[in-house]
Full PDB file with SEQRES, HELIX, SHEET, SSBOND, CRYST1, ORIGX, SCALE, CONECT and MASTER records, all heavy atoms in Angstrom:
SEQRES   1 A   34  SER PRO SER GLU ILE LEU ASP GLU THR GLY GLN LEU ALA          
SEQRES   2 A   34  ARG ALA ILE GLU GLY PHE ALA PRO ARG ALA GLY GLN GLN          
SEQRES   3 A   34  ALA MET ALA GLU ALA VAL GLY ARG                              
HELIX    1 AA1 PRO A    2  LEU A    6  1                                   5    
HELIX    2 AA2 GLN A   11  ALA A   15  1                                   5    
HELIX    3 AA3 ALA A   23  GLY A   33  1                                  11    
CRYST1    1.000    1.000    1.000  90.00  90.00  90.00 P 1           1          
ORIGX1      1.000000  0.000000  0.000000        0.00000                         
ORIGX2      0.000000  1.000000  0.000000        0.00000                         
ORIGX3      0.000000  0.000000  1.000000        0.00000                         
SCALE1      1.000000  0.000000  0.000000        0.00000                         
SCALE2      0.000000  1.000000  0.000000        0.00000                         
SCALE3      0.000000  0.000000  1.000000        0.00000                         
ATOM      1  N   SER A   1       0.658   9.450   0.546  1.00  0.00           N  
ATOM      2  CA  SER A   1       1.622   8.732   1.345  1.00  0.00           C  
ATOM      3  C   SER A   1       1.760   7.301   0.809  1.00  0.00           C  
ATOM      4  O   SER A   1       0.877   6.839   0.122  1.00  0.00           O  
ATOM      5  CB  SER A   1       1.059   8.717   2.777  1.00  0.00           C  
ATOM      6  OG  SER A   1       0.059   7.782   2.998  1.00  0.00           O  
ATOM      7  N   PRO A   2       2.872   6.624   1.178  1.00  0.00           N  
ATOM      8  CA  PRO A   2       2.948   5.213   0.877  1.00  0.00           C  
ATOM      9  C   PRO A   2       1.831   4.371   1.182  1.00  0.00           C  
ATOM     10  O   PRO A   2       1.283   3.528   0.505  1.00  0.00           O  
ATOM     11  CB  PRO A   2       4.338   4.798   1.528  1.00  0.00           C  
ATOM     12  CG  PRO A   2       5.061   6.019   1.708  1.00  0.00           C  
ATOM     13  CD  PRO A   2       4.081   7.081   1.891  1.00  0.00           C  
ATOM     14  N   SER A   3       1.368   4.531   2.528  1.00  0.00           N  
ATOM     15  CA  SER A   3       0.109   3.844   2.980  1.00  0.00           C  
ATOM     16  C   SER A   3      -1.088   3.991   2.063  1.00  0.00           C  
ATOM     17  O   SER A   3      -1.876   3.061   1.819  1.00  0.00           O  
ATOM     18  CB  SER A   3      -0.168   4.187   4.370  1.00  0.00           C  
ATOM     19  OG  SER A   3       0.795   3.657   5.244  1.00  0.00           O  
ATOM     20  N   GLU A   4      -1.302   5.289   1.554  1.00  0.00           N  
ATOM     21  CA  GLU A   4      -2.438   5.469   0.769  1.00  0.00           C  
ATOM     22  C   GLU A   4      -2.370   4.735  -0.643  1.00  0.00           C  
ATOM     23  O   GLU A   4      -3.331   4.240  -1.096  1.00  0.00           O  
ATOM     24  CB  GLU A   4      -2.618   7.006   0.524  1.00  0.00           C  
ATOM     25  CG  GLU A   4      -3.057   7.801   1.723  1.00  0.00           C  
ATOM     26  CD  GLU A   4      -3.017   9.280   1.571  1.00  0.00           C  
ATOM     27  OE1 GLU A   4      -2.124   9.748   0.827  1.00  0.00           O  
ATOM     28  OE2 GLU A   4      -3.909   9.894   2.075  1.00  0.00           O  
ATOM     29  N   ILE A   5      -1.165   4.716  -1.137  1.00  0.00           N  
ATOM     30  CA  ILE A   5      -0.972   3.968  -2.398  1.00  0.00           C  
ATOM     31  C   ILE A   5      -1.137   2.461  -2.222  1.00  0.00           C  
ATOM     32  O   ILE A   5      -1.609   1.770  -3.056  1.00  0.00           O  
ATOM     33  CB  ILE A   5       0.432   4.418  -2.947  1.00  0.00           C  
ATOM     34  CG1 ILE A   5       0.483   5.870  -3.402  1.00  0.00           C  
ATOM     35  CG2 ILE A   5       0.863   3.427  -4.117  1.00  0.00           C  
ATOM     36  CD1 ILE A   5       1.798   6.364  -3.779  1.00  0.00           C  
ATOM     37  N   LEU A   6      -0.684   1.966  -1.080  1.00  0.00           N  
ATOM     38  CA  LEU A   6      -0.836   0.604  -0.784  1.00  0.00           C  
ATOM     39  C   LEU A   6      -2.085   0.110  -0.176  1.00  0.00           C  
ATOM     40  O   LEU A   6      -2.197  -1.064   0.192  1.00  0.00           O  
ATOM     41  CB  LEU A   6       0.348   0.168   0.132  1.00  0.00           C  
ATOM     42  CG  LEU A   6       1.774   0.324  -0.478  1.00  0.00           C  
ATOM     43  CD1 LEU A   6       2.884   0.237   0.561  1.00  0.00           C  
ATOM     44  CD2 LEU A   6       1.996  -0.684  -1.666  1.00  0.00           C  
ATOM     45  N   ASP A   7      -3.067   1.037   0.073  1.00  0.00           N  
ATOM     46  CA  ASP A   7      -4.308   0.594   0.739  1.00  0.00           C  
ATOM     47  C   ASP A   7      -5.262  -0.049  -0.234  1.00  0.00           C  
ATOM     48  O   ASP A   7      -5.039  -0.083  -1.439  1.00  0.00           O  
ATOM     49  CB  ASP A   7      -4.929   1.729   1.627  1.00  0.00           C  
ATOM     50  CG  ASP A   7      -5.548   2.803   0.889  1.00  0.00           C  
ATOM     51  OD1 ASP A   7      -5.832   2.610  -0.368  1.00  0.00           O  
ATOM     52  OD2 ASP A   7      -5.967   3.815   1.386  1.00  0.00           O  
ATOM     53  N   GLU A   8      -6.395  -0.484   0.312  1.00  0.00           N  
ATOM     54  CA  GLU A   8      -7.408  -1.182  -0.512  1.00  0.00           C  
ATOM     55  C   GLU A   8      -7.963  -0.375  -1.742  1.00  0.00           C  
ATOM     56  O   GLU A   8      -8.474  -1.087  -2.629  1.00  0.00           O  
ATOM     57  CB  GLU A   8      -8.545  -1.824   0.358  1.00  0.00           C  
ATOM     58  CG  GLU A   8      -9.386  -0.736   0.992  1.00  0.00           C  
ATOM     59  CD  GLU A   8     -10.120  -1.251   2.185  1.00  0.00           C  
ATOM     60  OE1 GLU A   8      -9.887  -2.373   2.559  1.00  0.00           O  
ATOM     61  OE2 GLU A   8     -11.132  -0.532   2.635  1.00  0.00           O  
ATOM     62  N   THR A   9      -7.965   0.901  -1.656  1.00  0.00           N  
ATOM     63  CA  THR A   9      -8.466   1.745  -2.698  1.00  0.00           C  
ATOM     64  C   THR A   9      -7.407   2.538  -3.417  1.00  0.00           C  
ATOM     65  O   THR A   9      -7.586   3.391  -4.228  1.00  0.00           O  
ATOM     66  CB  THR A   9      -9.529   2.707  -2.234  1.00  0.00           C  
ATOM     67  OG1 THR A   9      -8.984   3.541  -1.226  1.00  0.00           O  
ATOM     68  CG2 THR A   9     -10.670   2.044  -1.609  1.00  0.00           C  
ATOM     69  N   GLY A  10      -6.054   2.180  -3.113  1.00  0.00           N  
ATOM     70  CA  GLY A  10      -4.966   2.892  -3.613  1.00  0.00           C  
ATOM     71  C   GLY A  10      -4.642   2.527  -5.075  1.00  0.00           C  
ATOM     72  O   GLY A  10      -5.279   1.620  -5.679  1.00  0.00           O  
ATOM     73  N   GLN A  11      -3.540   3.228  -5.550  1.00  0.00           N  
ATOM     74  CA  GLN A  11      -3.228   3.015  -7.011  1.00  0.00           C  
ATOM     75  C   GLN A  11      -2.815   1.658  -7.284  1.00  0.00           C  
ATOM     76  O   GLN A  11      -3.108   1.132  -8.418  1.00  0.00           O  
ATOM     77  CB  GLN A  11      -2.060   3.977  -7.295  1.00  0.00           C  
ATOM     78  CG  GLN A  11      -2.550   5.488  -7.343  1.00  0.00           C  
ATOM     79  CD  GLN A  11      -1.394   6.396  -7.484  1.00  0.00           C  
ATOM     80  OE1 GLN A  11      -0.302   6.215  -6.890  1.00  0.00           O  
ATOM     81  NE2 GLN A  11      -1.593   7.519  -8.268  1.00  0.00           N  
ATOM     82  N   LEU A  12      -2.190   0.924  -6.430  1.00  0.00           N  
ATOM     83  CA  LEU A  12      -1.701  -0.478  -6.777  1.00  0.00           C  
ATOM     84  C   LEU A  12      -2.923  -1.369  -6.752  1.00  0.00           C  
ATOM     85  O   LEU A  12      -3.020  -2.263  -7.644  1.00  0.00           O  
ATOM     86  CB  LEU A  12      -0.726  -0.948  -5.806  1.00  0.00           C  
ATOM     87  CG  LEU A  12       0.654  -0.309  -5.896  1.00  0.00           C  
ATOM     88  CD1 LEU A  12       1.650  -0.930  -4.959  1.00  0.00           C  
ATOM     89  CD2 LEU A  12       1.266  -0.498  -7.273  1.00  0.00           C  
ATOM     90  N   ALA A  13      -3.954  -1.168  -5.862  1.00  0.00           N  
ATOM     91  CA  ALA A  13      -5.053  -2.036  -5.916  1.00  0.00           C  
ATOM     92  C   ALA A  13      -5.862  -1.814  -7.242  1.00  0.00           C  
ATOM     93  O   ALA A  13      -6.471  -2.736  -7.652  1.00  0.00           O  
ATOM     94  CB  ALA A  13      -5.973  -1.718  -4.725  1.00  0.00           C  
ATOM     95  N   ARG A  14      -5.912  -0.578  -7.685  1.00  0.00           N  
ATOM     96  CA  ARG A  14      -6.589  -0.324  -8.966  1.00  0.00           C  
ATOM     97  C   ARG A  14      -5.804  -0.847 -10.209  1.00  0.00           C  
ATOM     98  O   ARG A  14      -6.409  -1.215 -11.180  1.00  0.00           O  
ATOM     99  CB  ARG A  14      -6.817   1.205  -9.063  1.00  0.00           C  
ATOM    100  CG  ARG A  14      -7.813   1.706  -8.146  1.00  0.00           C  
ATOM    101  CD  ARG A  14      -8.310   3.159  -8.375  1.00  0.00           C  
ATOM    102  NE  ARG A  14      -7.167   4.081  -8.536  1.00  0.00           N  
ATOM    103  CZ  ARG A  14      -6.696   4.831  -7.549  1.00  0.00           C  
ATOM    104  NH1 ARG A  14      -7.155   4.772  -6.269  1.00  0.00           N  
ATOM    105  NH2 ARG A  14      -5.813   5.766  -7.788  1.00  0.00           N  
ATOM    106  N   ALA A  15      -4.499  -0.959 -10.096  1.00  0.00           N  
ATOM    107  CA  ALA A  15      -3.670  -1.330 -11.272  1.00  0.00           C  
ATOM    108  C   ALA A  15      -3.398  -2.850 -11.373  1.00  0.00           C  
ATOM    109  O   ALA A  15      -3.112  -3.336 -12.340  1.00  0.00           O  
ATOM    110  CB  ALA A  15      -2.396  -0.479 -11.164  1.00  0.00           C  
ATOM    111  N   ILE A  16      -3.275  -3.551 -10.188  1.00  0.00           N  
ATOM    112  CA  ILE A  16      -2.854  -4.853 -10.142  1.00  0.00           C  
ATOM    113  C   ILE A  16      -4.016  -5.725  -9.675  1.00  0.00           C  
ATOM    114  O   ILE A  16      -4.459  -5.702  -8.559  1.00  0.00           O  
ATOM    115  CB  ILE A  16      -1.703  -5.018  -9.128  1.00  0.00           C  
ATOM    116  CG1 ILE A  16      -0.459  -4.124  -9.625  1.00  0.00           C  
ATOM    117  CG2 ILE A  16      -1.240  -6.515  -9.071  1.00  0.00           C  
ATOM    118  CD1 ILE A  16       0.670  -4.066  -8.730  1.00  0.00           C  
ATOM    119  N   GLU A  17      -4.448  -6.506 -10.598  1.00  0.00           N  
ATOM    120  CA  GLU A  17      -5.571  -7.534 -10.305  1.00  0.00           C  
ATOM    121  C   GLU A  17      -5.047  -8.476  -9.113  1.00  0.00           C  
ATOM    122  O   GLU A  17      -4.071  -9.025  -9.212  1.00  0.00           O  
ATOM    123  CB  GLU A  17      -5.853  -8.293 -11.497  1.00  0.00           C  
ATOM    124  CG  GLU A  17      -7.149  -9.244 -11.268  1.00  0.00           C  
ATOM    125  CD  GLU A  17      -7.511  -9.878 -12.560  1.00  0.00           C  
ATOM    126  OE1 GLU A  17      -7.352  -9.311 -13.591  1.00  0.00           O  
ATOM    127  OE2 GLU A  17      -8.173 -10.992 -12.446  1.00  0.00           O  
ATOM    128  N   GLY A  18      -5.906  -8.590  -8.104  1.00  0.00           N  
ATOM    129  CA  GLY A  18      -5.654  -9.434  -6.976  1.00  0.00           C  
ATOM    130  C   GLY A  18      -4.773  -8.901  -5.915  1.00  0.00           C  
ATOM    131  O   GLY A  18      -4.421  -9.540  -4.939  1.00  0.00           O  
ATOM    132  N   PHE A  19      -4.363  -7.544  -6.074  1.00  0.00           N  
ATOM    133  CA  PHE A  19      -3.642  -6.905  -5.055  1.00  0.00           C  
ATOM    134  C   PHE A  19      -4.367  -6.862  -3.707  1.00  0.00           C  
ATOM    135  O   PHE A  19      -5.546  -6.593  -3.694  1.00  0.00           O  
ATOM    136  CB  PHE A  19      -3.244  -5.479  -5.439  1.00  0.00           C  
ATOM    137  CG  PHE A  19      -2.456  -4.678  -4.473  1.00  0.00           C  
ATOM    138  CD1 PHE A  19      -1.074  -4.934  -4.320  1.00  0.00           C  
ATOM    139  CD2 PHE A  19      -3.089  -3.893  -3.510  1.00  0.00           C  
ATOM    140  CE1 PHE A  19      -0.334  -4.245  -3.327  1.00  0.00           C  
ATOM    141  CE2 PHE A  19      -2.332  -3.194  -2.554  1.00  0.00           C  
ATOM    142  CZ  PHE A  19      -1.078  -3.439  -2.441  1.00  0.00           C  
ATOM    143  N   ALA A  20      -3.718  -7.172  -2.637  1.00  0.00           N  
ATOM    144  CA  ALA A  20      -4.416  -7.110  -1.393  1.00  0.00           C  
ATOM    145  C   ALA A  20      -3.494  -6.326  -0.450  1.00  0.00           C  
ATOM    146  O   ALA A  20      -2.321  -6.541  -0.314  1.00  0.00           O  
ATOM    147  CB  ALA A  20      -4.544  -8.591  -0.753  1.00  0.00           C  
ATOM    148  N   PRO A  21      -4.121  -5.318   0.264  1.00  0.00           N  
ATOM    149  CA  PRO A  21      -3.381  -4.440   1.217  1.00  0.00           C  
ATOM    150  C   PRO A  21      -2.871  -5.349   2.346  1.00  0.00           C  
ATOM    151  O   PRO A  21      -3.622  -6.327   2.850  1.00  0.00           O  
ATOM    152  CB  PRO A  21      -4.337  -3.434   1.581  1.00  0.00           C  
ATOM    153  CG  PRO A  21      -5.691  -3.988   1.283  1.00  0.00           C  
ATOM    154  CD  PRO A  21      -5.500  -4.832   0.189  1.00  0.00           C  
ATOM    155  N   ARG A  22      -1.788  -4.996   2.936  1.00  0.00           N  
ATOM    156  CA  ARG A  22      -1.178  -5.671   4.092  1.00  0.00           C  
ATOM    157  C   ARG A  22      -0.731  -4.620   5.080  1.00  0.00           C  
ATOM    158  O   ARG A  22       0.035  -3.720   4.704  1.00  0.00           O  
ATOM    159  CB  ARG A  22       0.024  -6.531   3.641  1.00  0.00           C  
ATOM    160  CG  ARG A  22      -0.405  -7.512   2.605  1.00  0.00           C  
ATOM    161  CD  ARG A  22       0.832  -8.193   2.047  1.00  0.00           C  
ATOM    162  NE  ARG A  22       0.572  -8.983   0.865  1.00  0.00           N  
ATOM    163  CZ  ARG A  22       1.297  -9.370  -0.124  1.00  0.00           C  
ATOM    164  NH1 ARG A  22       2.468  -8.771  -0.154  1.00  0.00           N  
ATOM    165  NH2 ARG A  22       0.862 -10.069  -1.081  1.00  0.00           N  
ATOM    166  N   ALA A  23      -1.179  -4.791   6.294  1.00  0.00           N  
ATOM    167  CA  ALA A  23      -0.787  -3.800   7.333  1.00  0.00           C  
ATOM    168  C   ALA A  23       0.704  -3.705   7.526  1.00  0.00           C  
ATOM    169  O   ALA A  23       1.277  -2.628   7.656  1.00  0.00           O  
ATOM    170  CB  ALA A  23      -1.573  -4.139   8.657  1.00  0.00           C  
ATOM    171  N   GLY A  24       1.353  -4.859   7.525  1.00  0.00           N  
ATOM    172  CA  GLY A  24       2.833  -4.860   7.650  1.00  0.00           C  
ATOM    173  C   GLY A  24       3.575  -4.043   6.575  1.00  0.00           C  
ATOM    174  O   GLY A  24       4.506  -3.423   6.792  1.00  0.00           O  
ATOM    175  N   GLN A  25       3.077  -4.296   5.388  1.00  0.00           N  
ATOM    176  CA  GLN A  25       3.631  -3.724   4.202  1.00  0.00           C  
ATOM    177  C   GLN A  25       3.405  -2.100   4.320  1.00  0.00           C  
ATOM    178  O   GLN A  25       4.361  -1.353   4.032  1.00  0.00           O  
ATOM    179  CB  GLN A  25       2.936  -4.188   2.936  1.00  0.00           C  
ATOM    180  CG  GLN A  25       3.439  -3.633   1.645  1.00  0.00           C  
ATOM    181  CD  GLN A  25       2.637  -4.080   0.467  1.00  0.00           C  
ATOM    182  OE1 GLN A  25       1.370  -3.935   0.347  1.00  0.00           O  
ATOM    183  NE2 GLN A  25       3.343  -4.674  -0.525  1.00  0.00           N  
ATOM    184  N   GLN A  26       2.289  -1.738   4.673  1.00  0.00           N  
ATOM    185  CA  GLN A  26       1.994  -0.281   4.879  1.00  0.00           C  
ATOM    186  C   GLN A  26       2.844   0.309   5.911  1.00  0.00           C  
ATOM    187  O   GLN A  26       3.441   1.412   5.762  1.00  0.00           O  
ATOM    188  CB  GLN A  26       0.528  -0.017   5.185  1.00  0.00           C  
ATOM    189  CG  GLN A  26      -0.348  -0.325   3.943  1.00  0.00           C  
ATOM    190  CD  GLN A  26      -1.800  -0.400   4.288  1.00  0.00           C  
ATOM    191  OE1 GLN A  26      -2.289  -0.819   5.332  1.00  0.00           O  
ATOM    192  NE2 GLN A  26      -2.563   0.241   3.401  1.00  0.00           N  
ATOM    193  N   ALA A  27       3.022  -0.374   7.061  1.00  0.00           N  
ATOM    194  CA  ALA A  27       3.897   0.128   8.169  1.00  0.00           C  
ATOM    195  C   ALA A  27       5.297   0.206   7.717  1.00  0.00           C  
ATOM    196  O   ALA A  27       6.029   1.241   8.000  1.00  0.00           O  
ATOM    197  CB  ALA A  27       3.673  -0.710   9.391  1.00  0.00           C  
ATOM    198  N   MET A  28       5.743  -0.830   6.962  1.00  0.00           N  
ATOM    199  CA  MET A  28       7.173  -0.762   6.520  1.00  0.00           C  
ATOM    200  C   MET A  28       7.414   0.306   5.569  1.00  0.00           C  
ATOM    201  O   MET A  28       8.454   0.994   5.523  1.00  0.00           O  
ATOM    202  CB  MET A  28       7.540  -2.205   5.910  1.00  0.00           C  
ATOM    203  CG  MET A  28       8.985  -2.300   5.560  1.00  0.00           C  
ATOM    204  SD  MET A  28       9.307  -4.056   5.001  1.00  0.00           S  
ATOM    205  CE  MET A  28      10.867  -3.745   4.167  1.00  0.00           C  
ATOM    206  N   ALA A  29       6.427   0.529   4.641  1.00  0.00           N  
ATOM    207  CA  ALA A  29       6.563   1.495   3.635  1.00  0.00           C  
ATOM    208  C   ALA A  29       6.657   2.882   4.340  1.00  0.00           C  
ATOM    209  O   ALA A  29       7.378   3.880   3.853  1.00  0.00           O  
ATOM    210  CB  ALA A  29       5.432   1.536   2.651  1.00  0.00           C  
ATOM    211  N   GLU A  30       5.812   3.158   5.302  1.00  0.00           N  
ATOM    212  CA  GLU A  30       5.960   4.454   6.040  1.00  0.00           C  
ATOM    213  C   GLU A  30       7.294   4.621   6.778  1.00  0.00           C  
ATOM    214  O   GLU A  30       7.827   5.752   6.723  1.00  0.00           O  
ATOM    215  CB  GLU A  30       4.758   4.504   7.082  1.00  0.00           C  
ATOM    216  CG  GLU A  30       3.425   4.673   6.408  1.00  0.00           C  
ATOM    217  CD  GLU A  30       3.195   5.980   5.742  1.00  0.00           C  
ATOM    218  OE1 GLU A  30       3.857   7.001   5.960  1.00  0.00           O  
ATOM    219  OE2 GLU A  30       2.382   5.982   4.755  1.00  0.00           O  
ATOM    220  N   ALA A  31       7.840   3.561   7.270  1.00  0.00           N  
ATOM    221  CA  ALA A  31       9.144   3.696   7.936  1.00  0.00           C  
ATOM    222  C   ALA A  31      10.232   3.933   6.900  1.00  0.00           C  
ATOM    223  O   ALA A  31      11.085   4.745   7.141  1.00  0.00           O  
ATOM    224  CB  ALA A  31       9.454   2.275   8.747  1.00  0.00           C  
ATOM    225  N   VAL A  32      10.092   3.293   5.799  1.00  0.00           N  
ATOM    226  CA  VAL A  32      11.161   3.442   4.722  1.00  0.00           C  
ATOM    227  C   VAL A  32      10.990   4.946   4.222  1.00  0.00           C  
ATOM    228  O   VAL A  32      12.008   5.588   4.081  1.00  0.00           O  
ATOM    229  CB  VAL A  32      10.913   2.562   3.495  1.00  0.00           C  
ATOM    230  CG1 VAL A  32      11.705   2.917   2.256  1.00  0.00           C  
ATOM    231  CG2 VAL A  32      11.222   1.098   3.933  1.00  0.00           C  
ATOM    232  N   GLY A  33       9.826   5.490   4.073  1.00  0.00           N  
ATOM    233  CA  GLY A  33       9.529   6.899   3.680  1.00  0.00           C  
ATOM    234  C   GLY A  33      10.140   7.803   4.684  1.00  0.00           C  
ATOM    235  O   GLY A  33      10.862   8.858   4.260  1.00  0.00           O  
ATOM    236  N   ARG A  34       9.962   7.659   5.943  1.00  0.00           N  
ATOM    237  CA  ARG A  34      10.552   8.535   7.033  1.00  0.00           C  
ATOM    238  C   ARG A  34      12.076   8.424   6.940  1.00  0.00           C  
ATOM    239  O   ARG A  34      12.755   9.489   7.086  1.00  0.00           O  
ATOM    240  CB  ARG A  34      10.055   8.063   8.398  1.00  0.00           C  
ATOM    241  CG  ARG A  34       8.578   8.461   8.649  1.00  0.00           C  
ATOM    242  CD  ARG A  34       8.250   8.246  10.038  1.00  0.00           C  
ATOM    243  NE  ARG A  34       8.364   6.901  10.525  1.00  0.00           N  
ATOM    244  CZ  ARG A  34       7.467   5.963  10.449  1.00  0.00           C  
ATOM    245  NH1 ARG A  34       6.324   6.234   9.862  1.00  0.00           N  
ATOM    246  NH2 ARG A  34       7.683   4.703  10.893  1.00  0.00           N  
TER     247      ARG A  34                                                      
MASTER        0    0    0    3    0    0    0    6  246    1    0    3          
END                                                                             
């Protein structure tokens, strides 16, 4: 899911140094996905 990709252990956190998960970002990504 978008939230999984954007969470603290997701693909973006592993690929982008300094990436920090944001609850608002995850909620918005889920809404966009729906």
